[in-house]
Structures are given as C-alpha cells and as structure tokens.
Amino acid sequence: MIGFLRGKLVLKAPPLLVLDVHGVGYEIEAPMTTFYELPALGIEITLHTHLVIREDAHSLFGFASEADRAMFRTLIKVNGVGPKLALTILSGQSAEQLHRCIHENDTVALMRLPGVGKKTAERLIIELRDRLPQLEDSIATTTITQSVGNAKQEAVSALCSLGYKPLDANKMVQGIHSEGKSCEDIIRMALQGAIR
C-alpha cells in the first residue's frame, strides 16, 4: 500500500523514527541497520516501507534498502516469525549477511540474534533456503537516498531497469566521480566502462 516515504527526519529513537512528509508525521519502526545509515535530523530521506495492518494497530516499517525490505517480507512469511522478530533479526544482520547464513546453514550465527533459538534458526534455514533464489537479485548494498539529488542511486536504479543485476549495477557506478554530473552522465560513463 505504501511503497516508500520521502520526508524530513524529525525523530530518531530506535526502533522508532518519525518522518515529516508534507506536514504529516509518520511513525516508522526500522532495524538498527537502517539507523546506522540515517543522516542528522532535519535532512530529507527516502525509506522503503512495509505496512502491517492488524485489528488493533497499523504498523509501518521502514528500510534503508530494497534488499532489507525484501528480506523482511520473506522473514515474516516464516512460521513463528512476526514483524517484531523480523525487525530484530535485521537489526543484528544485514540482508546480505542473513542471506550468507542461510546459504551456509550457519545456525550458530543465527542463534546469536536476540529472540532466535535453535528451533527458530533451523526453521529459518529450512524455510528460507527455497526462497533465497528470488531474493538473490535484490541483495544489493544501497543506502538511504538523501534529497540532495543522489544521481548515483538513480543511475543504479536505471541500470537495473535495463536488465543489470543490482550488485553489478552498484559496481559499475561505484568508481565514477559523480560530483556535478547528472544521472544520465553517470549512466553513460557506467555503460562505457562496461563495454571496455
């Protein structure tokens, strides 16, 4: 229902943050991995969001990257894992680290996360192993987009829509000096670099 929110960051009180979007303050719960990337208060940011509607509450969860949101959505489909536990898991590990734990059957690393016992760790591995191929393409290290016009992030999105995998698109754009360059310039330079 609400895919993303762009607004001014007005409160940081983990796990809660408040985003002022055109005069409306949205309370959003976010994992610590997102909090580590937040800028100072008063800066405009964009968060990928997931809305959970229950009888007694409407809860909005926010994430710095699309990969984290995709992993959150997959985690809450696991039997016995609700939004709060999924948020705790993603606070202890990024989507990429969690992906690695599942792929390597690392129950010990999963059990170090608060609220995850041996049975839950085993269930996560069993149930997520089959779903990971769908997630693999969305695992990319993307940061919160700030309103200063993050041309690099726009270029990565454009390259993904051209068919490049998110990790490859990030690598193509990473080494380009973007100051003073438009999104189109960065895409052109990334594509020229890929041809060489």
N, C-alpha and C. Protein backbone atom coordinates (compact mmCIF):
# COMPACT_ATOMS: atom_id res chain seq x y z
N MET A 1 0.81 -1.21 0.00
CA MET A 1 0.00 0.00 0.00
C MET A 1 0.85 1.26 0.00
N ILE A 2 1.85 1.32 0.89
CA ILE A 2 2.76 2.46 0.91
C ILE A 2 4.14 1.91 0.57
N GLY A 3 4.61 2.16 -0.63
CA GLY A 3 5.87 1.59 -1.10
C GLY A 3 7.10 2.29 -0.56
N PHE A 4 7.01 3.61 -0.45
CA PHE A 4 8.12 4.37 0.11
C PHE A 4 7.61 5.69 0.64
N LEU A 5 8.40 6.31 1.50
CA LEU A 5 8.09 7.65 2.01
C LEU A 5 9.33 8.52 1.86
N ARG A 6 9.12 9.75 1.40
CA ARG A 6 10.20 10.72 1.32
C ARG A 6 9.81 11.91 2.17
N GLY A 7 10.65 12.21 3.14
CA GLY A 7 10.33 13.33 4.01
C GLY A 7 11.50 13.70 4.90
N LYS A 8 11.26 14.68 5.77
CA LYS A 8 12.29 15.19 6.67
C LYS A 8 12.33 14.35 7.94
N LEU A 9 13.52 13.94 8.32
CA LEU A 9 13.72 13.15 9.52
C LEU A 9 13.61 14.06 10.74
N VAL A 10 12.60 13.81 11.60
CA VAL A 10 12.40 14.70 12.75
C VAL A 10 12.63 14.02 14.11
N LEU A 11 12.69 12.68 14.13
CA LEU A 11 12.95 11.99 15.40
C LEU A 11 13.66 10.67 15.14
N LYS A 12 14.68 10.41 15.97
CA LYS A 12 15.38 9.12 15.94
C LYS A 12 15.38 8.58 17.36
N ALA A 13 14.58 7.54 17.63
CA ALA A 13 14.52 6.91 18.94
C ALA A 13 14.34 5.41 18.71
N PRO A 14 15.44 4.69 18.38
CA PRO A 14 15.35 3.29 17.97
C PRO A 14 14.43 2.48 18.87
N PRO A 15 13.57 1.66 18.29
CA PRO A 15 13.45 1.35 16.86
C PRO A 15 12.52 2.30 16.10
N LEU A 16 12.12 3.39 16.74
CA LEU A 16 11.16 4.31 16.13
C LEU A 16 11.84 5.53 15.53
N LEU A 17 11.35 5.93 14.36
CA LEU A 17 11.76 7.22 13.79
C LEU A 17 10.50 7.89 13.26
N VAL A 18 10.56 9.19 13.15
CA VAL A 18 9.40 9.95 12.64
C VAL A 18 9.86 10.73 11.42
N LEU A 19 9.07 10.60 10.36
CA LEU A 19 9.35 11.28 9.10
C LEU A 19 8.22 12.28 8.84
N ASP A 20 8.58 13.54 8.62
CA ASP A 20 7.61 14.59 8.30
C ASP A 20 7.45 14.63 6.78
N VAL A 21 6.31 14.15 6.31
CA VAL A 21 6.02 14.13 4.88
C VAL A 21 4.92 15.15 4.61
N HIS A 22 5.29 16.32 4.13
CA HIS A 22 4.35 17.41 3.83
C HIS A 22 3.42 17.71 5.02
N GLY A 23 4.01 17.79 6.21
CA GLY A 23 3.25 18.17 7.39
C GLY A 23 2.59 17.03 8.14
N VAL A 24 2.73 15.79 7.64
CA VAL A 24 2.18 14.62 8.33
C VAL A 24 3.36 13.83 8.90
N GLY A 25 3.33 13.57 10.20
CA GLY A 25 4.42 12.83 10.85
C GLY A 25 4.14 11.34 10.86
N TYR A 26 4.91 10.58 10.10
CA TYR A 26 4.75 9.12 10.05
C TYR A 26 5.69 8.47 11.06
N GLU A 27 5.12 7.67 11.98
CA GLU A 27 5.93 6.89 12.90
C GLU A 27 6.30 5.59 12.20
N ILE A 28 7.60 5.34 12.10
CA ILE A 28 8.10 4.19 11.37
C ILE A 28 9.06 3.41 12.26
N GLU A 29 8.87 2.10 12.30
CA GLU A 29 9.82 1.25 13.02
C GLU A 29 10.84 0.76 12.01
N ALA A 30 12.11 0.79 12.42
CA ALA A 30 13.18 0.42 11.50
C ALA A 30 14.24 -0.41 12.22
N PRO A 31 14.93 -1.30 11.48
CA PRO A 31 16.01 -2.06 12.09
C PRO A 31 17.22 -1.17 12.34
N MET A 32 18.10 -1.61 13.21
CA MET A 32 19.31 -0.83 13.53
C MET A 32 20.19 -0.64 12.29
N THR A 33 20.17 -1.59 11.37
CA THR A 33 20.97 -1.44 10.15
C THR A 33 20.54 -0.19 9.37
N THR A 34 19.28 0.18 9.47
CA THR A 34 18.80 1.41 8.84
C THR A 34 19.22 2.62 9.67
N PHE A 35 19.12 2.52 11.00
CA PHE A 35 19.50 3.64 11.86
C PHE A 35 20.97 4.02 11.67
N TYR A 36 21.84 3.02 11.42
CA TYR A 36 23.26 3.32 11.23
C TYR A 36 23.49 4.22 10.02
N GLU A 37 22.56 4.20 9.06
CA GLU A 37 22.73 4.98 7.83
C GLU A 37 21.97 6.30 7.83
N LEU A 38 21.22 6.56 8.90
CA LEU A 38 20.43 7.80 8.93
C LEU A 38 21.32 9.03 9.05
N PRO A 39 20.96 10.09 8.34
CA PRO A 39 21.69 11.35 8.48
C PRO A 39 21.21 12.11 9.72
N ALA A 40 21.66 13.32 9.87
CA ALA A 40 21.24 14.17 11.01
C ALA A 40 19.76 14.53 10.87
N LEU A 41 19.16 14.92 11.99
CA LEU A 41 17.76 15.38 11.98
C LEU A 41 17.63 16.58 11.05
N GLY A 42 16.47 16.67 10.41
CA GLY A 42 16.21 17.79 9.52
C GLY A 42 16.55 17.53 8.06
N ILE A 43 17.26 16.43 7.79
CA ILE A 43 17.62 16.07 6.41
C ILE A 43 16.49 15.27 5.79
N GLU A 44 16.23 15.50 4.51
CA GLU A 44 15.18 14.75 3.82
C GLU A 44 15.75 13.42 3.34
N ILE A 45 15.00 12.34 3.60
CA ILE A 45 15.42 11.00 3.20
C ILE A 45 14.27 10.25 2.55
N THR A 46 14.59 9.12 1.94
CA THR A 46 13.59 8.22 1.39
C THR A 46 13.77 6.85 2.04
N LEU A 47 12.68 6.27 2.51
CA LEU A 47 12.70 4.94 3.10
C LEU A 47 11.75 4.02 2.33
N HIS A 48 12.19 2.78 2.09
CA HIS A 48 11.32 1.75 1.53
C HIS A 48 10.47 1.25 2.69
N THR A 49 9.16 1.13 2.49
CA THR A 49 8.29 0.82 3.63
C THR A 49 7.44 -0.43 3.41
N HIS A 50 6.97 -0.96 4.52
CA HIS A 50 6.04 -2.10 4.52
C HIS A 50 5.00 -1.82 5.59
N LEU A 51 3.73 -1.87 5.22
CA LEU A 51 2.62 -1.60 6.14
C LEU A 51 2.00 -2.91 6.62
N VAL A 52 1.89 -3.06 7.94
CA VAL A 52 1.24 -4.24 8.53
C VAL A 52 -0.04 -3.76 9.20
N ILE A 53 -1.16 -4.32 8.77
CA ILE A 53 -2.46 -3.93 9.33
C ILE A 53 -3.00 -5.07 10.18
N ARG A 54 -3.28 -4.75 11.43
CA ARG A 54 -3.87 -5.72 12.36
C ARG A 54 -5.14 -5.09 12.92
N GLU A 55 -5.91 -5.89 13.66
CA GLU A 55 -7.14 -5.39 14.28
C GLU A 55 -6.87 -4.21 15.20
N ASP A 56 -5.79 -4.31 15.97
CA ASP A 56 -5.53 -3.30 16.99
C ASP A 56 -4.49 -2.25 16.60
N ALA A 57 -3.86 -2.40 15.45
CA ALA A 57 -2.82 -1.43 15.08
C ALA A 57 -2.47 -1.47 13.60
N HIS A 58 -2.02 -0.33 13.12
CA HIS A 58 -1.43 -0.23 11.79
C HIS A 58 0.04 0.12 12.03
N SER A 59 0.96 -0.75 11.63
CA SER A 59 2.39 -0.51 11.88
C SER A 59 3.12 -0.34 10.56
N LEU A 60 3.95 0.68 10.51
CA LEU A 60 4.73 0.97 9.32
C LEU A 60 6.20 0.69 9.61
N PHE A 61 6.82 -0.11 8.75
CA PHE A 61 8.22 -0.48 8.92
C PHE A 61 9.02 0.13 7.77
N GLY A 62 10.19 0.68 8.08
CA GLY A 62 10.99 1.35 7.07
C GLY A 62 12.38 0.76 6.96
N PHE A 63 12.94 0.81 5.74
CA PHE A 63 14.24 0.20 5.47
C PHE A 63 15.08 1.08 4.55
N ALA A 64 16.38 1.05 4.80
CA ALA A 64 17.31 1.85 4.00
C ALA A 64 17.43 1.33 2.58
N SER A 65 17.28 0.02 2.40
CA SER A 65 17.45 -0.55 1.06
C SER A 65 16.28 -1.45 0.70
N GLU A 66 16.11 -1.62 -0.58
CA GLU A 66 15.08 -2.52 -1.10
C GLU A 66 15.38 -3.96 -0.67
N ALA A 67 16.67 -4.30 -0.60
CA ALA A 67 17.07 -5.66 -0.21
C ALA A 67 16.63 -5.97 1.22
N ASP A 68 16.79 -5.00 2.13
CA ASP A 68 16.36 -5.22 3.52
C ASP A 68 14.84 -5.40 3.60
N ARG A 69 14.11 -4.60 2.82
CA ARG A 69 12.65 -4.74 2.83
C ARG A 69 12.24 -6.10 2.26
N ALA A 70 12.89 -6.53 1.19
CA ALA A 70 12.58 -7.83 0.59
C ALA A 70 12.86 -8.95 1.58
N MET A 71 13.97 -8.84 2.33
CA MET A 71 14.28 -9.87 3.32
C MET A 71 13.26 -9.84 4.46
N PHE A 72 12.85 -8.65 4.89
CA PHE A 72 11.82 -8.51 5.93
C PHE A 72 10.53 -9.20 5.49
N ARG A 73 10.12 -8.94 4.25
CA ARG A 73 8.88 -9.53 3.73
C ARG A 73 8.97 -11.05 3.66
N THR A 74 10.16 -11.56 3.38
CA THR A 74 10.35 -13.00 3.34
C THR A 74 10.36 -13.58 4.75
N LEU A 75 11.01 -12.88 5.68
CA LEU A 75 11.08 -13.36 7.06
C LEU A 75 9.71 -13.49 7.70
N ILE A 76 8.82 -12.52 7.46
CA ILE A 76 7.51 -12.57 8.12
C ILE A 76 6.62 -13.67 7.55
N LYS A 77 7.02 -14.30 6.47
CA LYS A 77 6.28 -15.44 5.92
C LYS A 77 6.69 -16.75 6.59
N VAL A 78 7.79 -16.71 7.35
CA VAL A 78 8.27 -17.90 8.04
C VAL A 78 7.39 -18.15 9.26
N ASN A 79 7.00 -19.39 9.46
CA ASN A 79 6.14 -19.77 10.58
C ASN A 79 6.80 -19.39 11.91
N GLY A 80 6.09 -18.61 12.73
CA GLY A 80 6.61 -18.22 14.04
C GLY A 80 7.43 -16.94 14.04
N VAL A 81 7.60 -16.32 12.87
CA VAL A 81 8.37 -15.07 12.81
C VAL A 81 7.41 -13.93 12.44
N GLY A 82 7.18 -13.04 13.39
CA GLY A 82 6.33 -11.89 13.13
C GLY A 82 7.16 -10.67 12.79
N PRO A 83 6.52 -9.54 12.55
CA PRO A 83 7.25 -8.33 12.19
C PRO A 83 8.29 -7.89 13.23
N LYS A 84 7.97 -8.03 14.52
CA LYS A 84 8.91 -7.59 15.57
C LYS A 84 10.18 -8.44 15.56
N LEU A 85 10.02 -9.77 15.44
CA LEU A 85 11.20 -10.64 15.40
C LEU A 85 11.99 -10.42 14.11
N ALA A 86 11.28 -10.22 13.00
CA ALA A 86 11.96 -9.95 11.72
C ALA A 86 12.80 -8.68 11.83
N LEU A 87 12.25 -7.66 12.50
CA LEU A 87 12.97 -6.40 12.70
C LEU A 87 14.20 -6.63 13.58
N THR A 88 14.07 -7.45 14.61
CA THR A 88 15.20 -7.78 15.49
C THR A 88 16.29 -8.51 14.71
N ILE A 89 15.88 -9.45 13.87
CA ILE A 89 16.84 -10.21 13.06
C ILE A 89 17.61 -9.27 12.14
N LEU A 90 16.88 -8.37 11.47
CA LEU A 90 17.53 -7.44 10.55
C LEU A 90 18.31 -6.35 11.28
N SER A 91 18.07 -6.19 12.58
CA SER A 91 18.88 -5.25 13.37
C SER A 91 20.25 -5.86 13.66
N GLY A 92 20.29 -7.20 13.73
CA GLY A 92 21.54 -7.88 14.03
C GLY A 92 22.35 -8.23 12.81
N GLN A 93 21.70 -8.37 11.66
CA GLN A 93 22.39 -8.73 10.43
C GLN A 93 21.75 -8.02 9.25
N SER A 94 22.57 -7.63 8.30
CA SER A 94 22.03 -7.05 7.08
C SER A 94 21.42 -8.17 6.24
N ALA A 95 20.66 -7.82 5.22
CA ALA A 95 20.05 -8.82 4.35
C ALA A 95 21.13 -9.70 3.71
N GLU A 96 22.24 -9.10 3.36
CA GLU A 96 23.33 -9.84 2.73
C GLU A 96 23.95 -10.85 3.71
N GLN A 97 24.18 -10.44 4.96
CA GLN A 97 24.73 -11.35 5.98
C GLN A 97 23.76 -12.49 6.27
N LEU A 98 22.48 -12.16 6.36
CA LEU A 98 21.47 -13.18 6.63
C LEU A 98 21.40 -14.18 5.48
N HIS A 99 21.48 -13.67 4.27
CA HIS A 99 21.49 -14.50 3.07
C HIS A 99 22.66 -15.49 3.15
N ARG A 100 23.81 -15.00 3.57
CA ARG A 100 25.01 -15.85 3.68
C ARG A 100 24.80 -16.92 4.76
N CYS A 101 24.23 -16.55 5.91
CA CYS A 101 23.97 -17.51 7.00
C CYS A 101 23.05 -18.63 6.53
N ILE A 102 22.00 -18.27 5.81
CA ILE A 102 21.04 -19.26 5.32
C ILE A 102 21.73 -20.18 4.32
N HIS A 103 22.47 -19.59 3.39
CA HIS A 103 23.15 -20.35 2.33
C HIS A 103 24.17 -21.32 2.92
N GLU A 104 24.84 -20.91 4.02
CA GLU A 104 25.89 -21.74 4.63
C GLU A 104 25.38 -22.58 5.81
N ASN A 105 24.05 -22.61 6.02
CA ASN A 105 23.43 -23.36 7.13
C ASN A 105 24.06 -23.01 8.48
N ASP A 106 24.32 -21.73 8.70
CA ASP A 106 25.01 -21.28 9.91
C ASP A 106 24.01 -20.98 11.04
N THR A 107 23.55 -22.04 11.71
CA THR A 107 22.58 -21.86 12.80
C THR A 107 23.21 -21.13 13.98
N VAL A 108 24.52 -21.32 14.20
CA VAL A 108 25.20 -20.68 15.34
C VAL A 108 25.12 -19.16 15.22
N ALA A 109 25.39 -18.62 14.04
CA ALA A 109 25.32 -17.16 13.83
C ALA A 109 23.89 -16.66 14.02
N LEU A 110 22.92 -17.43 13.56
CA LEU A 110 21.52 -17.02 13.70
C LEU A 110 21.10 -17.04 15.18
N MET A 111 21.61 -18.02 15.94
CA MET A 111 21.24 -18.14 17.36
C MET A 111 21.83 -17.01 18.20
N ARG A 112 22.81 -16.29 17.68
CA ARG A 112 23.37 -15.14 18.41
C ARG A 112 22.42 -13.95 18.39
N LEU A 113 21.44 -13.98 17.48
CA LEU A 113 20.47 -12.88 17.38
C LEU A 113 19.45 -13.00 18.51
N PRO A 114 19.07 -11.88 19.14
CA PRO A 114 18.09 -11.93 20.23
C PRO A 114 16.76 -12.51 19.76
N GLY A 115 16.21 -13.41 20.55
CA GLY A 115 14.91 -13.99 20.22
C GLY A 115 14.95 -15.17 19.28
N VAL A 116 16.15 -15.54 18.82
CA VAL A 116 16.28 -16.66 17.89
C VAL A 116 16.96 -17.83 18.61
N GLY A 117 16.17 -18.87 18.87
CA GLY A 117 16.71 -20.09 19.49
C GLY A 117 17.08 -21.08 18.41
N LYS A 118 17.46 -22.27 18.85
CA LYS A 118 17.91 -23.30 17.90
C LYS A 118 16.80 -23.68 16.93
N LYS A 119 15.58 -23.90 17.44
CA LYS A 119 14.47 -24.32 16.57
C LYS A 119 14.13 -23.23 15.55
N THR A 120 14.12 -21.98 16.01
CA THR A 120 13.81 -20.88 15.08
C THR A 120 14.90 -20.75 14.02
N ALA A 121 16.17 -20.89 14.43
CA ALA A 121 17.29 -20.80 13.49
C ALA A 121 17.18 -21.90 12.43
N GLU A 122 16.87 -23.11 12.87
CA GLU A 122 16.72 -24.23 11.92
C GLU A 122 15.54 -24.00 10.99
N ARG A 123 14.43 -23.49 11.55
CA ARG A 123 13.25 -23.21 10.73
C ARG A 123 13.55 -22.14 9.69
N LEU A 124 14.29 -21.10 10.10
CA LEU A 124 14.67 -20.04 9.16
C LEU A 124 15.45 -20.62 7.99
N ILE A 125 16.42 -21.47 8.30
CA ILE A 125 17.25 -22.06 7.24
C ILE A 125 16.42 -22.93 6.32
N ILE A 126 15.59 -23.78 6.90
CA ILE A 126 14.79 -24.70 6.08
C ILE A 126 13.81 -23.94 5.19
N GLU A 127 13.09 -22.98 5.78
CA GLU A 127 12.04 -22.28 5.02
C GLU A 127 12.59 -21.23 4.06
N LEU A 128 13.72 -20.61 4.41
CA LEU A 128 14.25 -19.55 3.55
C LEU A 128 15.13 -20.06 2.42
N ARG A 129 15.70 -21.24 2.60
CA ARG A 129 16.61 -21.77 1.58
C ARG A 129 15.94 -21.82 0.20
N ASP A 130 14.65 -22.21 0.16
CA ASP A 130 13.94 -22.30 -1.11
C ASP A 130 13.55 -20.94 -1.67
N ARG A 131 13.45 -19.95 -0.80
CA ARG A 131 13.02 -18.61 -1.24
C ARG A 131 14.19 -17.72 -1.62
N LEU A 132 15.41 -18.11 -1.26
CA LEU A 132 16.56 -17.24 -1.50
C LEU A 132 16.88 -16.95 -2.95
N PRO A 133 16.69 -17.89 -3.89
CA PRO A 133 17.00 -17.53 -5.28
C PRO A 133 16.24 -16.30 -5.75
N GLN A 134 14.98 -16.12 -5.27
CA GLN A 134 14.21 -14.93 -5.65
C GLN A 134 14.84 -13.67 -5.05
N LEU A 135 15.41 -13.82 -3.84
CA LEU A 135 15.98 -12.66 -3.16
C LEU A 135 17.36 -12.30 -3.67
N GLU A 136 18.08 -13.29 -4.22
CA GLU A 136 19.47 -13.08 -4.58
C GLU A 136 19.69 -11.83 -5.43
N ASP A 137 18.81 -11.62 -6.41
CA ASP A 137 18.98 -10.46 -7.29
C ASP A 137 18.71 -9.14 -6.58
N SER A 138 17.92 -9.19 -5.51
CA SER A 138 17.60 -7.93 -4.83
C SER A 138 18.58 -7.60 -3.72
N ILE A 139 19.54 -8.50 -3.43
CA ILE A 139 20.52 -8.22 -2.38
C ILE A 139 21.58 -7.28 -2.96
N ALA A 140 21.50 -6.04 -2.59
CA ALA A 140 22.48 -5.04 -3.03
C ALA A 140 22.65 -4.04 -1.92
N THR A 141 23.83 -3.51 -1.79
CA THR A 141 24.08 -2.56 -0.72
C THR A 141 23.70 -1.18 -1.22
N THR A 142 22.49 -0.75 -0.86
CA THR A 142 22.04 0.57 -1.25
C THR A 142 21.79 1.36 0.02
N THR A 143 22.05 2.62 -0.01
CA THR A 143 21.88 3.43 1.19
C THR A 143 20.65 4.31 1.05
N ILE A 144 20.28 4.92 2.15
CA ILE A 144 19.14 5.83 2.15
C ILE A 144 19.42 6.97 1.18
N THR A 145 18.43 7.27 0.35
CA THR A 145 18.59 8.34 -0.61
C THR A 145 18.29 9.67 0.06
N GLN A 146 19.25 10.59 0.02
CA GLN A 146 19.03 11.91 0.58
C GLN A 146 18.57 12.84 -0.53
N SER A 147 17.89 13.91 -0.16
CA SER A 147 17.26 14.77 -1.15
C SER A 147 18.24 15.62 -1.93
N VAL A 148 19.51 15.58 -1.60
CA VAL A 148 20.48 16.40 -2.32
C VAL A 148 20.65 15.91 -3.75
N GLY A 149 19.83 14.96 -4.18
CA GLY A 149 19.88 14.52 -5.56
C GLY A 149 20.94 13.45 -5.74
N ASN A 150 20.67 12.28 -5.24
CA ASN A 150 21.63 11.20 -5.31
C ASN A 150 21.61 10.61 -6.71
N ALA A 151 22.38 11.20 -7.60
CA ALA A 151 22.40 10.80 -9.00
C ALA A 151 22.93 9.38 -9.16
N LYS A 152 23.87 9.00 -8.30
CA LYS A 152 24.42 7.64 -8.39
C LYS A 152 23.34 6.60 -8.14
N GLN A 153 22.52 6.83 -7.10
CA GLN A 153 21.46 5.87 -6.78
C GLN A 153 20.44 5.79 -7.91
N GLU A 154 20.11 6.94 -8.50
CA GLU A 154 19.19 6.95 -9.64
C GLU A 154 19.79 6.19 -10.81
N ALA A 155 21.10 6.32 -11.00
CA ALA A 155 21.78 5.62 -12.09
C ALA A 155 21.74 4.11 -11.86
N VAL A 156 21.93 3.69 -10.60
CA VAL A 156 21.86 2.26 -10.28
C VAL A 156 20.46 1.73 -10.60
N SER A 157 19.43 2.45 -10.20
CA SER A 157 18.04 2.04 -10.49
C SER A 157 17.80 1.94 -11.99
N ALA A 158 18.31 2.91 -12.72
CA ALA A 158 18.13 2.91 -14.17
C ALA A 158 18.85 1.71 -14.81
N LEU A 159 20.05 1.42 -14.34
CA LEU A 159 20.79 0.27 -14.87
C LEU A 159 20.07 -1.04 -14.57
N CYS A 160 19.46 -1.11 -13.37
CA CYS A 160 18.68 -2.31 -13.02
C CYS A 160 17.49 -2.47 -13.95
N SER A 161 16.85 -1.36 -14.29
CA SER A 161 15.70 -1.44 -15.19
C SER A 161 16.13 -1.79 -16.62
N LEU A 162 17.43 -1.59 -16.92
CA LEU A 162 17.97 -2.01 -18.22
C LEU A 162 18.34 -3.49 -18.24
N GLY A 163 18.22 -4.14 -17.07
CA GLY A 163 18.49 -5.57 -17.03
C GLY A 163 19.72 -5.99 -16.24
N TYR A 164 20.49 -5.02 -15.74
CA TYR A 164 21.66 -5.37 -14.93
C TYR A 164 21.21 -5.79 -13.54
N LYS A 165 21.94 -6.74 -12.93
CA LYS A 165 21.65 -7.14 -11.56
C LYS A 165 22.07 -6.01 -10.63
N PRO A 166 21.38 -5.82 -9.50
CA PRO A 166 21.70 -4.73 -8.58
C PRO A 166 23.17 -4.69 -8.14
N LEU A 167 23.74 -5.85 -7.85
CA LEU A 167 25.16 -5.87 -7.43
C LEU A 167 26.07 -5.38 -8.55
N ASP A 168 25.77 -5.83 -9.80
CA ASP A 168 26.58 -5.42 -10.94
C ASP A 168 26.42 -3.92 -11.21
N ALA A 169 25.18 -3.44 -11.10
CA ALA A 169 24.92 -2.01 -11.33
C ALA A 169 25.66 -1.16 -10.30
N ASN A 170 25.65 -1.60 -9.03
CA ASN A 170 26.38 -0.87 -7.99
C ASN A 170 27.87 -0.81 -8.30
N LYS A 171 28.44 -1.95 -8.75
CA LYS A 171 29.87 -2.00 -9.07
C LYS A 171 30.20 -1.07 -10.23
N MET A 172 29.31 -1.04 -11.24
CA MET A 172 29.54 -0.20 -12.42
C MET A 172 29.60 1.28 -12.05
N VAL A 173 28.76 1.68 -11.08
CA VAL A 173 28.62 3.09 -10.72
C VAL A 173 29.60 3.53 -9.63
N GLN A 174 30.04 2.56 -8.82
CA GLN A 174 30.83 2.87 -7.64
C GLN A 174 32.05 3.75 -7.90
N GLY A 175 32.83 3.43 -8.90
CA GLY A 175 34.09 4.14 -9.12
C GLY A 175 33.95 5.47 -9.84
N ILE A 176 32.75 5.83 -10.23
CA ILE A 176 32.55 7.07 -11.00
C ILE A 176 32.47 8.27 -10.06
N HIS A 177 33.25 9.29 -10.36
CA HIS A 177 33.20 10.54 -9.59
C HIS A 177 31.95 11.29 -10.02
N SER A 178 30.96 11.39 -9.11
CA SER A 178 29.64 11.88 -9.51
C SER A 178 29.39 13.36 -9.27
N GLU A 179 30.30 14.04 -8.60
CA GLU A 179 30.07 15.44 -8.26
C GLU A 179 29.88 16.29 -9.53
N GLY A 180 28.76 16.98 -9.59
CA GLY A 180 28.47 17.85 -10.73
C GLY A 180 27.97 17.11 -11.95
N LYS A 181 27.78 15.80 -11.86
CA LYS A 181 27.31 15.02 -13.00
C LYS A 181 25.84 14.65 -12.81
N SER A 182 25.12 14.61 -13.92
CA SER A 182 23.71 14.22 -13.86
C SER A 182 23.62 12.70 -13.86
N CYS A 183 22.44 12.21 -13.58
CA CYS A 183 22.18 10.77 -13.61
C CYS A 183 22.51 10.20 -14.99
N GLU A 184 22.13 10.92 -16.04
CA GLU A 184 22.38 10.46 -17.41
C GLU A 184 23.87 10.35 -17.69
N ASP A 185 24.66 11.32 -17.20
CA ASP A 185 26.11 11.27 -17.39
C ASP A 185 26.70 10.03 -16.72
N ILE A 186 26.23 9.75 -15.51
CA ILE A 186 26.75 8.60 -14.76
C ILE A 186 26.39 7.29 -15.48
N ILE A 187 25.17 7.21 -15.98
CA ILE A 187 24.75 6.00 -16.72
C ILE A 187 25.63 5.83 -17.95
N ARG A 188 25.82 6.91 -18.69
CA ARG A 188 26.66 6.85 -19.91
C ARG A 188 28.06 6.36 -19.57
N MET A 189 28.66 6.92 -18.51
CA MET A 189 30.02 6.52 -18.12
C MET A 189 30.06 5.07 -17.64
N ALA A 190 29.02 4.65 -16.92
CA ALA A 190 28.97 3.25 -16.44
C ALA A 190 28.88 2.28 -17.60
N LEU A 191 28.05 2.62 -18.60
CA LEU A 191 27.89 1.76 -19.76
C LEU A 191 29.18 1.72 -20.60
N GLN A 192 29.84 2.86 -20.73
CA GLN A 192 31.11 2.89 -21.46
C GLN A 192 32.15 2.04 -20.76
N GLY A 193 32.17 2.08 -19.43
CA GLY A 193 33.11 1.27 -18.64
C GLY A 193 32.81 -0.21 -18.78
N ALA A 194 31.53 -0.56 -18.91
CA ALA A 194 31.14 -1.97 -19.04
C ALA A 194 31.54 -2.54 -20.40
N ILE A 195 31.58 -1.67 -21.42
CA ILE A 195 31.91 -2.13 -22.78
C ILE A 195 33.40 -2.45 -22.90
N ARG A 196 34.23 -1.69 -22.17
CA ARG A 196 35.68 -1.90 -22.27
C ARG A 196 36.11 -3.28 -21.83
